Amino acid sequence: MLSVKKLVYMTEDQERLLREAARRENISEAEVMRRALEAYVRGRLQDPFRELIGMANDGPVDGAEKHDRYIYGERP
C-alpha cells in the first residue's frame, strides 16, 4: 500500500498522550495516529440507526399496528 506523508500540528498535551500510547502499545507514534484515524472515520461512517437494532425485542407484538393504544392508552 502506498503511504502519504502528512504534517500534523498538535498541542503539547496531545503529543504527550501520543507518546504514551505508542510506548504502552509498543508501536510507533505514526501507527497510533493511523489507528486512531481509522477508528474515528469508521465510527463516523456507521449508520446511526444501527444502534437501534434490537432495542425493542421485548415489546408488544402488535406495537406497530396499535401504537396509539400503547402510547395514549385506551380510548372510548
Foldseek 3Di string as FASTA:
>chain_A
DDDDDDDDDDDPVVVVVLVVVCVVVVHDSVVVVVVVVVVVVVVVPDDPCVVVPPPPVPDDPCCVVPVCCVVVNDDD
